[in-house]
Amino acid sequence: MSKKIVYPTSGVCSQAIMVEVDNDTVVDVMFVGGCQGNTQGVARLAKGMKVDDVIARLEGIDCNRKGTSCPDQLAKALKSMR
């Protein structure tokens, strides 16, 4: 079953993350705003991965001592879909 959300980010340069998951696999990720090269790279790497694997790899990554980052926000978005 495919599930899509738009997750409003907090504490980072991007404003939101659009995520699609199907059967516990990340199908699509798109960041709105932020550092385009970095967010595109994170999005492409996450596609095709199991949700739990993406969360395990990205959760807790910090950007400039903000306490979060765009990758961390993607982990939070995926956790919110459970």
PDB file of N, CA and C in Angstrom:
ATOM      1  N   MET A   1       0.836  -1.182   0.000  1.00  0.00           N
ATOM      2  CA  MET A   1       0.000   0.000   0.000  1.00  0.00           C
ATOM      3  C   MET A   1       0.879   1.243   0.000  1.00  0.00           C
ATOM      4  N   SER A   2       0.691   2.104  -0.962  1.00  0.00           N
ATOM      5  CA  SER A   2       1.486   3.316  -1.089  1.00  0.00           C
ATOM      6  C   SER A   2       0.951   4.407  -0.168  1.00  0.00           C
ATOM      7  N   LYS A   3       1.872   5.116   0.454  1.00  0.00           N
ATOM      8  CA  LYS A   3       1.530   6.188   1.385  1.00  0.00           C
ATOM      9  C   LYS A   3       2.376   7.406   1.043  1.00  0.00           C
ATOM     10  N   LYS A   4       1.744   8.582   0.954  1.00  0.00           N
ATOM     11  CA  LYS A   4       2.455   9.821   0.639  1.00  0.00           C
ATOM     12  C   LYS A   4       2.173  10.857   1.714  1.00  0.00           C
ATOM     13  N   ILE A   5       3.212  11.642   2.058  1.00  0.00           N
ATOM     14  CA  ILE A   5       3.021  12.753   2.981  1.00  0.00           C
ATOM     15  C   ILE A   5       3.845  13.946   2.523  1.00  0.00           C
ATOM     16  N   VAL A   6       3.472  15.104   3.020  1.00  0.00           N
ATOM     17  CA  VAL A   6       4.304  16.299   2.934  1.00  0.00           C
ATOM     18  C   VAL A   6       4.626  16.639   4.376  1.00  0.00           C
ATOM     19  N   TYR A   7       5.897  16.512   4.725  1.00  0.00           N
ATOM     20  CA  TYR A   7       6.339  16.705   6.102  1.00  0.00           C
ATOM     21  C   TYR A   7       6.942  18.099   6.243  1.00  0.00           C
ATOM     22  N   PRO A   8       6.356  18.954   7.096  1.00  0.00           N
ATOM     23  CA  PRO A   8       6.912  20.288   7.310  1.00  0.00           C
ATOM     24  C   PRO A   8       8.168  20.185   8.192  1.00  0.00           C
ATOM     25  N   THR A   9       9.303  20.628   7.666  1.00  0.00           N
ATOM     26  CA  THR A   9      10.550  20.515   8.408  1.00  0.00           C
ATOM     27  C   THR A   9      10.662  21.605   9.472  1.00  0.00           C
ATOM     28  N   SER A  10      11.603  21.404  10.376  1.00  0.00           N
ATOM     29  CA  SER A  10      11.818  22.363  11.456  1.00  0.00           C
ATOM     30  C   SER A  10      13.309  22.469  11.741  1.00  0.00           C
ATOM     31  N   GLY A  11      13.815  23.696  11.810  1.00  0.00           N
ATOM     32  CA  GLY A  11      15.207  23.920  12.192  1.00  0.00           C
ATOM     33  C   GLY A  11      16.224  23.736  11.084  1.00  0.00           C
ATOM     34  N   VAL A  12      15.765  23.621   9.844  1.00  0.00           N
ATOM     35  CA  VAL A  12      16.674  23.426   8.708  1.00  0.00           C
ATOM     36  C   VAL A  12      16.317  24.383   7.572  1.00  0.00           C
ATOM     37  N   CYS A  13      17.163  24.413   6.550  1.00  0.00           N
ATOM     38  CA  CYS A  13      16.943  25.310   5.409  1.00  0.00           C
ATOM     39  C   CYS A  13      15.763  24.894   4.536  1.00  0.00           C
ATOM     40  N   SER A  14      15.545  23.587   4.392  1.00  0.00           N
ATOM     41  CA  SER A  14      14.406  23.139   3.578  1.00  0.00           C
ATOM     42  C   SER A  14      13.104  23.413   4.333  1.00  0.00           C
ATOM     43  N   GLN A  15      12.040  23.642   3.580  1.00  0.00           N
ATOM     44  CA  GLN A  15      10.745  23.953   4.197  1.00  0.00           C
ATOM     45  C   GLN A  15       9.860  22.725   4.402  1.00  0.00           C
ATOM     46  N   ALA A  16      10.048  21.722   3.568  1.00  0.00           N
ATOM     47  CA  ALA A  16       9.210  20.522   3.645  1.00  0.00           C
ATOM     48  C   ALA A  16       9.890  19.381   2.896  1.00  0.00           C
ATOM     49  N   ILE A  17       9.396  18.168   3.184  1.00  0.00           N
ATOM     50  CA  ILE A  17       9.877  16.983   2.474  1.00  0.00           C
ATOM     51  C   ILE A  17       8.649  16.205   2.011  1.00  0.00           C
ATOM     52  N   MET A  18       8.602  15.905   0.718  1.00  0.00           N
ATOM     53  CA  MET A  18       7.546  15.061   0.182  1.00  0.00           C
ATOM     54  C   MET A  18       8.091  13.641   0.107  1.00  0.00           C
ATOM     55  N   VAL A  19       7.390  12.708   0.733  1.00  0.00           N
ATOM     56  CA  VAL A  19       7.871  11.330   0.824  1.00  0.00           C
ATOM     57  C   VAL A  19       6.773  10.366   0.387  1.00  0.00           C
ATOM     58  N   GLU A  20       7.164   9.368  -0.395  1.00  0.00           N
ATOM     59  CA  GLU A  20       6.260   8.285  -0.761  1.00  0.00           C
ATOM     60  C   GLU A  20       6.903   6.965  -0.363  1.00  0.00           C
ATOM     61  N   VAL A  21       6.132   6.142   0.339  1.00  0.00           N
ATOM     62  CA  VAL A  21       6.586   4.830   0.798  1.00  0.00           C
ATOM     63  C   VAL A  21       5.590   3.786   0.311  1.00  0.00           C
ATOM     64  N   ASP A  22       6.100   2.652  -0.147  1.00  0.00           N
ATOM     65  CA  ASP A  22       5.245   1.548  -0.562  1.00  0.00           C
ATOM     66  C   ASP A  22       5.819   0.263   0.021  1.00  0.00           C
ATOM     67  N   ASN A  23       5.001  -0.438   0.800  1.00  0.00           N
ATOM     68  CA  ASN A  23       5.422  -1.703   1.412  1.00  0.00           C
ATOM     69  C   ASN A  23       6.765  -1.581   2.127  1.00  0.00           C
ATOM     70  N   ASP A  24       6.909  -0.549   2.967  1.00  0.00           N
ATOM     71  CA  ASP A  24       8.097  -0.320   3.781  1.00  0.00           C
ATOM     72  C   ASP A  24       9.354  -0.018   2.963  1.00  0.00           C
ATOM     73  N   THR A  25       9.178   0.415   1.711  1.00  0.00           N
ATOM     74  CA  THR A  25      10.297   0.822   0.868  1.00  0.00           C
ATOM     75  C   THR A  25      10.080   2.260   0.418  1.00  0.00           C
ATOM     76  N   VAL A  26      11.121   3.061   0.497  1.00  0.00           N
ATOM     77  CA  VAL A  26      11.041   4.454   0.057  1.00  0.00           C
ATOM     78  C   VAL A  26      10.971   4.470  -1.464  1.00  0.00           C
ATOM     79  N   VAL A  27       9.897   5.051  -1.992  1.00  0.00           N
ATOM     80  CA  VAL A  27       9.680   5.118  -3.435  1.00  0.00           C
ATOM     81  C   VAL A  27      10.162   6.452  -3.990  1.00  0.00           C
ATOM     82  N   ASP A  28       9.891   7.539  -3.272  1.00  0.00           N
ATOM     83  CA  ASP A  28      10.266   8.867  -3.757  1.00  0.00           C
ATOM     84  C   ASP A  28      10.476   9.813  -2.578  1.00  0.00           C
ATOM     85  N   VAL A  29      11.448  10.710  -2.730  1.00  0.00           N
ATOM     86  CA  VAL A  29      11.724  11.756  -1.740  1.00  0.00           C
ATOM     87  C   VAL A  29      12.017  13.024  -2.510  1.00  0.00           C
ATOM     88  N   MET A  30      11.418  14.123  -2.086  1.00  0.00           N
ATOM     89  CA  MET A  30      11.708  15.417  -2.683  1.00  0.00           C
ATOM     90  C   MET A  30      11.712  16.476  -1.593  1.00  0.00           C
ATOM     91  N   PHE A  31      12.827  17.175  -1.471  1.00  0.00           N
ATOM     92  CA  PHE A  31      12.942  18.265  -0.507  1.00  0.00           C
ATOM     93  C   PHE A  31      12.492  19.553  -1.172  1.00  0.00           C
ATOM     94  N   VAL A  32      11.790  20.395  -0.425  1.00  0.00           N
ATOM     95  CA  VAL A  32      11.392  21.715  -0.899  1.00  0.00           C
ATOM     96  C   VAL A  32      12.329  22.709  -0.228  1.00  0.00           C
ATOM     97  N   GLY A  33      13.181  23.340  -1.031  1.00  0.00           N
ATOM     98  CA  GLY A  33      14.166  24.269  -0.496  1.00  0.00           C
ATOM     99  C   GLY A  33      15.391  23.531   0.023  1.00  0.00           C
ATOM    100  N   GLY A  34      16.262  24.272   0.668  1.00  0.00           N
ATOM    101  CA  GLY A  34      17.482  23.696   1.218  1.00  0.00           C
ATOM    102  C   GLY A  34      18.613  23.712   0.202  1.00  0.00           C
ATOM    103  N   CYS A  35      19.711  23.088   0.557  1.00  0.00           N
ATOM    104  CA  CYS A  35      20.892  22.993  -0.305  1.00  0.00           C
ATOM    105  C   CYS A  35      20.607  21.949  -1.374  1.00  0.00           C
ATOM    106  N   GLN A  36      20.301  22.400  -2.565  1.00  0.00           N
ATOM    107  CA  GLN A  36      19.778  21.527  -3.613  1.00  0.00           C
ATOM    108  C   GLN A  36      20.646  20.313  -3.901  1.00  0.00           C
ATOM    109  N   GLY A  37      21.940  20.481  -4.005  1.00  0.00           N
ATOM    110  CA  GLY A  37      22.809  19.344  -4.301  1.00  0.00           C
ATOM    111  C   GLY A  37      22.764  18.302  -3.193  1.00  0.00           C
ATOM    112  N   ASN A  38      22.846  18.755  -1.955  1.00  0.00           N
ATOM    113  CA  ASN A  38      22.829  17.825  -0.829  1.00  0.00           C
ATOM    114  C   ASN A  38      21.485  17.123  -0.682  1.00  0.00           C
ATOM    115  N   THR A  39      20.406  17.874  -0.790  1.00  0.00           N
ATOM    116  CA  THR A  39      19.095  17.251  -0.606  1.00  0.00           C
ATOM    117  C   THR A  39      18.767  16.290  -1.743  1.00  0.00           C
ATOM    118  N   GLN A  40      19.191  16.613  -2.968  1.00  0.00           N
ATOM    119  CA  GLN A  40      18.979  15.685  -4.081  1.00  0.00           C
ATOM    120  C   GLN A  40      19.774  14.403  -3.870  1.00  0.00           C
ATOM    121  N   GLY A  41      20.993  14.547  -3.357  1.00  0.00           N
ATOM    122  CA  GLY A  41      21.819  13.376  -3.091  1.00  0.00           C
ATOM    123  C   GLY A  41      21.206  12.478  -2.038  1.00  0.00           C
ATOM    124  N   VAL A  42      20.742  13.068  -0.944  1.00  0.00           N
ATOM    125  CA  VAL A  42      20.102  12.290   0.125  1.00  0.00           C
ATOM    126  C   VAL A  42      18.850  11.610  -0.418  1.00  0.00           C
ATOM    127  N   ALA A  43      18.060  12.341  -1.183  1.00  0.00           N
ATOM    128  CA  ALA A  43      16.820  11.789  -1.738  1.00  0.00           C
ATOM    129  C   ALA A  43      17.101  10.595  -2.640  1.00  0.00           C
ATOM    130  N   ARG A  44      18.079  10.720  -3.508  1.00  0.00           N
ATOM    131  CA  ARG A  44      18.397   9.623  -4.437  1.00  0.00           C
ATOM    132  C   ARG A  44      18.941   8.404  -3.706  1.00  0.00           C
ATOM    133  N   LEU A  45      19.751   8.641  -2.683  1.00  0.00           N
ATOM    134  CA  LEU A  45      20.300   7.520  -1.920  1.00  0.00           C
ATOM    135  C   LEU A  45      19.210   6.776  -1.152  1.00  0.00           C
ATOM    136  N   ALA A  46      18.191   7.500  -0.675  1.00  0.00           N
ATOM    137  CA  ALA A  46      17.128   6.879   0.117  1.00  0.00           C
ATOM    138  C   ALA A  46      16.163   6.055  -0.736  1.00  0.00           C
ATOM    139  N   LYS A  47      16.000   6.431  -2.003  1.00  0.00           N
ATOM    140  CA  LYS A  47      15.065   5.710  -2.875  1.00  0.00           C
ATOM    141  C   LYS A  47      15.456   4.251  -2.997  1.00  0.00           C
ATOM    142  N   GLY A  48      14.462   3.391  -2.834  1.00  0.00           N
ATOM    143  CA  GLY A  48      14.683   1.963  -2.946  1.00  0.00           C
ATOM    144  C   GLY A  48      15.123   1.293  -1.651  1.00  0.00           C
ATOM    145  N   MET A  49      15.417   2.086  -0.637  1.00  0.00           N
ATOM    146  CA  MET A  49      15.841   1.533   0.648  1.00  0.00           C
ATOM    147  C   MET A  49      14.640   1.224   1.537  1.00  0.00           C
ATOM    148  N   LYS A  50      14.825   0.314   2.456  1.00  0.00           N
ATOM    149  CA  LYS A  50      13.814   0.035   3.470  1.00  0.00           C
ATOM    150  C   LYS A  50      13.745   1.214   4.430  1.00  0.00           C
ATOM    151  N   VAL A  51      12.545   1.545   4.861  1.00  0.00           N
ATOM    152  CA  VAL A  51      12.326   2.678   5.749  1.00  0.00           C
ATOM    153  C   VAL A  51      13.209   2.591   6.991  1.00  0.00           C
ATOM    154  N   ASP A  52      13.248   1.437   7.640  1.00  0.00           N
ATOM    155  CA  ASP A  52      14.043   1.289   8.860  1.00  0.00           C
ATOM    156  C   ASP A  52      15.532   1.524   8.607  1.00  0.00           C
ATOM    157  N   ASP A  53      16.024   1.144   7.447  1.00  0.00           N
ATOM    158  CA  ASP A  53      17.435   1.352   7.114  1.00  0.00           C
ATOM    159  C   ASP A  53      17.740   2.837   6.924  1.00  0.00           C
ATOM    160  N   VAL A  54      16.829   3.551   6.274  1.00  0.00           N
ATOM    161  CA  VAL A  54      17.017   4.995   6.081  1.00  0.00           C
ATOM    162  C   VAL A  54      17.019   5.688   7.439  1.00  0.00           C
ATOM    163  N   ILE A  55      16.061   5.355   8.287  1.00  0.00           N
ATOM    164  CA  ILE A  55      15.986   5.957   9.613  1.00  0.00           C
ATOM    165  C   ILE A  55      17.268   5.684  10.394  1.00  0.00           C
ATOM    166  N   ALA A  56      17.729   4.441  10.386  1.00  0.00           N
ATOM    167  CA  ALA A  56      18.932   4.068  11.137  1.00  0.00           C
ATOM    168  C   ALA A  56      20.165   4.847  10.660  1.00  0.00           C
ATOM    169  N   ARG A  57      20.255   5.097   9.373  1.00  0.00           N
ATOM    170  CA  ARG A  57      21.426   5.794   8.836  1.00  0.00           C
ATOM    171  C   ARG A  57      21.372   7.304   9.005  1.00  0.00           C
ATOM    172  N   LEU A  58      20.182   7.885   8.976  1.00  0.00           N
ATOM    173  CA  LEU A  58      20.072   9.342   8.942  1.00  0.00           C
ATOM    174  C   LEU A  58      19.686   9.996  10.260  1.00  0.00           C
ATOM    175  N   GLU A  59      19.017   9.266  11.119  1.00  0.00           N
ATOM    176  CA  GLU A  59      18.538   9.845  12.373  1.00  0.00           C
ATOM    177  C   GLU A  59      19.712  10.362  13.213  1.00  0.00           C
ATOM    178  N   GLY A  60      19.576  11.592  13.700  1.00  0.00           N
ATOM    179  CA  GLY A  60      20.578  12.163  14.593  1.00  0.00           C
ATOM    180  C   GLY A  60      21.687  12.933  13.909  1.00  0.00           C
ATOM    181  N   ILE A  61      21.719  12.965  12.573  1.00  0.00           N
ATOM    182  CA  ILE A  61      22.743  13.762  11.885  1.00  0.00           C
ATOM    183  C   ILE A  61      22.480  15.234  12.191  1.00  0.00           C
ATOM    184  N   ASP A  62      23.537  15.939  12.561  1.00  0.00           N
ATOM    185  CA  ASP A  62      23.420  17.344  12.971  1.00  0.00           C
ATOM    186  C   ASP A  62      24.085  18.253  11.930  1.00  0.00           C
ATOM    187  N   CYS A  63      23.477  19.387  11.673  1.00  0.00           N
ATOM    188  CA  CYS A  63      24.017  20.380  10.745  1.00  0.00           C
ATOM    189  C   CYS A  63      24.302  21.668  11.511  1.00  0.00           C
ATOM    190  N   ASN A  64      25.562  22.037  11.581  1.00  0.00           N
ATOM    191  CA  ASN A  64      25.958  23.302  12.227  1.00  0.00           C
ATOM    192  C   ASN A  64      25.405  23.482  13.637  1.00  0.00           C
ATOM    193  N   ARG A  65      25.416  22.417  14.393  1.00  0.00           N
ATOM    194  CA  ARG A  65      24.954  22.430  15.790  1.00  0.00           C
ATOM    195  C   ARG A  65      23.511  22.925  15.959  1.00  0.00           C
ATOM    196  N   LYS A  66      22.687  22.619  14.972  1.00  0.00           N
ATOM    197  CA  LYS A  66      21.264  22.986  15.035  1.00  0.00           C
ATOM    198  C   LYS A  66      20.456  21.942  15.796  1.00  0.00           C
ATOM    199  N   GLY A  67      21.053  20.772  16.029  1.00  0.00           N
ATOM    200  CA  GLY A  67      20.326  19.687  16.675  1.00  0.00           C
ATOM    201  C   GLY A  67      19.543  18.840  15.694  1.00  0.00           C
ATOM    202  N   THR A  68      19.614  19.190  14.429  1.00  0.00           N
ATOM    203  CA  THR A  68      18.934  18.434  13.368  1.00  0.00           C
ATOM    204  C   THR A  68      19.618  18.746  12.040  1.00  0.00           C
ATOM    205  N   SER A  69      19.111  18.177  10.973  1.00  0.00           N
ATOM    206  CA  SER A  69      19.629  18.401   9.621  1.00  0.00           C
ATOM    207  C   SER A  69      18.555  17.947   8.644  1.00  0.00           C
ATOM    208  N   CYS A  70      18.762  18.188   7.375  1.00  0.00           N
ATOM    209  CA  CYS A  70      17.800  17.692   6.385  1.00  0.00           C
ATOM    210  C   CYS A  70      17.718  16.160   6.403  1.00  0.00           C
ATOM    211  N   PRO A  71      18.853  15.441   6.487  1.00  0.00           N
ATOM    212  CA  PRO A  71      18.744  13.982   6.591  1.00  0.00           C
ATOM    213  C   PRO A  71      18.002  13.544   7.855  1.00  0.00           C
ATOM    214  N   ASP A  72      18.258  14.209   8.977  1.00  0.00           N
ATOM    215  CA  ASP A  72      17.552  13.887  10.221  1.00  0.00           C
ATOM    216  C   ASP A  72      16.058  14.155  10.083  1.00  0.00           C
ATOM    217  N   GLN A  73      15.711  15.231   9.395  1.00  0.00           N
ATOM    218  CA  GLN A  73      14.301  15.546   9.175  1.00  0.00           C
ATOM    219  C   GLN A  73      13.631  14.490   8.293  1.00  0.00           C
ATOM    220  N   LEU A  74      14.372  13.930   7.334  1.00  0.00           N
ATOM    221  CA  LEU A  74      13.820  12.839   6.533  1.00  0.00           C
ATOM    222  C   LEU A  74      13.543  11.627   7.418  1.00  0.00           C
ATOM    223  N   ALA A  75      14.447  11.326   8.332  1.00  0.00           N
ATOM    224  CA  ALA A  75      14.213  10.223   9.275  1.00  0.00           C
ATOM    225  C   ALA A  75      12.956  10.486  10.087  1.00  0.00           C
ATOM    226  N   LYS A  76      12.786  11.718  10.557  1.00  0.00           N
ATOM    227  CA  LYS A  76      11.589  12.072  11.328  1.00  0.00           C
ATOM    228  C   LYS A  76      10.326  11.945  10.470  1.00  0.00           C
ATOM    229  N   ALA A  77      10.411  12.353   9.210  1.00  0.00           N
ATOM    230  CA  ALA A  77       9.258  12.223   8.313  1.00  0.00           C
ATOM    231  C   ALA A  77       8.866  10.757   8.152  1.00  0.00           C
ATOM    232  N   LEU A  78       9.858   9.907   7.943  1.00  0.00           N
ATOM    233  CA  LEU A  78       9.574   8.480   7.785  1.00  0.00           C
ATOM    234  C   LEU A  78       8.997   7.887   9.066  1.00  0.00           C
ATOM    235  N   LYS A  79       9.502   8.304  10.210  1.00  0.00           N
ATOM    236  CA  LYS A  79       8.961   7.797  11.479  1.00  0.00           C
ATOM    237  C   LYS A  79       7.501   8.237  11.651  1.00  0.00           C
ATOM    238  N   SER A  80       7.187   9.432  11.170  1.00  0.00           N
ATOM    239  CA  SER A  80       5.816   9.937  11.313  1.00  0.00           C
ATOM    240  C   SER A  80       4.824   9.155  10.464  1.00  0.00           C
ATOM    241  N   MET A  81       5.312   8.412   9.490  1.00  0.00           N
ATOM    242  CA  MET A  81       4.440   7.652   8.599  1.00  0.00           C
ATOM    243  C   MET A  81       4.048   6.303   9.165  1.00  0.00           C
ATOM    244  N   ARG A  82       4.615   5.930  10.272  1.00  0.00           N
ATOM    245  CA  ARG A  82       4.303   4.618  10.866  1.00  0.00           C
ATOM    246  C   ARG A  82       2.954   4.614  11.505  1.00  0.00           C
TER     247      ARG A  82
END
